[in-house]
Amino acid sequence: MENFSERYYNVFDTRRVDVDKFYQNDAKLVWNGIELNGRDAITKHLVSLPTTRHQIQALDFFPMKGSLLFRSLVRAQISSFEDLF
């Protein structure tokens, strides 16, 4: 899981348009209470966010029937606070 997380956040921070490769077509992501359904919706949302740099603090995962729930705690540095507004 650690190698996956490092690769994911590296792509997220440096080549965000390629983050879609980490999601299946029917993936679901809950981002700050907003439910995003499908790879295209997830990618569109993530690409719209300000530039970031992540540092992984903790990882956890929960095997589920037919899938895996993955949770990470990261510290993110946003390129510009003004980008948020």
Protein backbone atom coordinates (compact mmCIF):
# COMPACT_ATOMS: atom_id res chain seq x y z
CA MET A 1 0.00 0.00 0.00
CA GLU A 2 2.86 2.37 0.72
CA ASN A 3 4.32 2.05 -2.78
CA PHE A 4 0.88 2.60 -4.31
CA SER A 5 0.32 5.70 -2.17
CA GLU A 6 3.70 7.17 -3.03
CA ARG A 7 3.04 6.66 -6.74
CA TYR A 8 -0.50 8.06 -6.50
CA TYR A 9 0.50 11.27 -4.72
CA ASN A 10 3.51 11.73 -6.98
CA VAL A 11 1.21 11.63 -10.02
CA PHE A 12 -1.39 13.77 -8.22
CA ASP A 13 1.23 16.44 -7.49
CA THR A 14 3.22 16.37 -10.73
CA ARG A 15 0.96 15.02 -13.55
CA ARG A 16 -2.58 15.31 -12.23
CA VAL A 17 -4.19 14.75 -15.64
CA ASP A 18 -2.89 11.16 -15.41
CA VAL A 19 -4.61 10.45 -12.08
CA ASP A 20 -7.46 8.75 -13.96
CA LYS A 21 -5.24 5.69 -14.38
CA PHE A 22 -5.66 4.96 -10.67
CA TYR A 23 -9.46 4.67 -10.84
CA GLN A 24 -11.79 2.10 -12.35
CA ASN A 25 -14.66 3.30 -14.56
CA ASP A 26 -17.21 2.75 -11.77
CA ALA A 27 -15.05 4.12 -8.92
CA LYS A 28 -16.52 6.26 -6.17
CA LEU A 29 -14.70 8.99 -4.25
CA VAL A 30 -16.01 11.06 -1.35
CA TRP A 31 -14.12 14.35 -1.20
CA ASN A 32 -14.97 16.62 1.74
CA GLY A 33 -18.49 15.20 1.81
CA ILE A 34 -19.00 15.46 -1.96
CA GLU A 35 -19.68 12.10 -3.62
CA LEU A 36 -18.05 11.71 -7.03
CA ASN A 37 -19.12 8.72 -9.14
CA GLY A 38 -17.06 7.37 -12.01
CA ARG A 39 -13.51 7.87 -13.21
CA ASP A 40 -14.35 10.87 -15.40
CA ALA A 41 -16.14 12.78 -12.61
CA ILE A 42 -13.33 12.04 -10.16
CA THR A 43 -10.63 13.13 -12.59
CA LYS A 44 -12.50 16.30 -13.56
CA HIS A 45 -12.81 17.30 -9.91
CA LEU A 46 -9.21 16.49 -8.97
CA VAL A 47 -7.77 18.33 -11.98
CA SER A 48 -9.76 21.44 -10.99
CA LEU A 49 -8.04 21.68 -7.60
CA PRO A 50 -5.06 23.98 -6.95
CA THR A 51 -1.51 22.65 -7.34
CA THR A 52 -0.40 20.69 -4.29
CA ARG A 53 2.50 18.83 -2.73
CA HIS A 54 1.62 15.91 -0.45
CA GLN A 55 3.49 14.20 2.37
CA ILE A 56 2.05 10.87 3.52
CA GLN A 57 1.49 10.73 7.29
CA ALA A 58 -0.41 7.44 7.72
CA LEU A 59 -2.02 4.70 5.63
CA ASP A 60 -4.85 2.30 6.36
CA PHE A 61 -6.90 -0.11 4.30
CA PHE A 62 -9.87 -2.35 4.89
CA PRO A 63 -10.46 -5.44 2.77
CA MET A 64 -14.12 -5.71 1.79
CA LYS A 65 -16.01 -8.32 -0.16
CA GLY A 66 -14.91 -7.84 -3.76
CA SER A 67 -13.09 -4.54 -3.12
CA LEU A 68 -10.75 -2.60 -0.91
CA LEU A 69 -11.46 0.53 1.08
CA PHE A 70 -8.33 2.65 1.21
CA ARG A 71 -7.74 5.59 3.51
CA SER A 72 -4.72 7.83 3.78
CA LEU A 73 -3.81 10.72 6.00
CA VAL A 74 -1.64 13.21 4.15
CA ARG A 75 -0.29 16.65 4.73
CA ALA A 76 -0.85 18.83 1.68
CA GLN A 77 0.80 22.09 0.79
CA ILE A 78 -1.32 24.20 -1.56
CA SER A 79 0.51 26.29 -4.14
CA SER A 80 -1.44 29.44 -3.39
CA PHE A 81 -4.09 30.12 -0.77
CA GLU A 82 -5.66 32.55 -3.25
CA ASP A 83 -6.28 29.63 -5.65
CA LEU A 84 -8.99 28.40 -3.29
CA PHE A 85 -11.25 31.42 -3.88
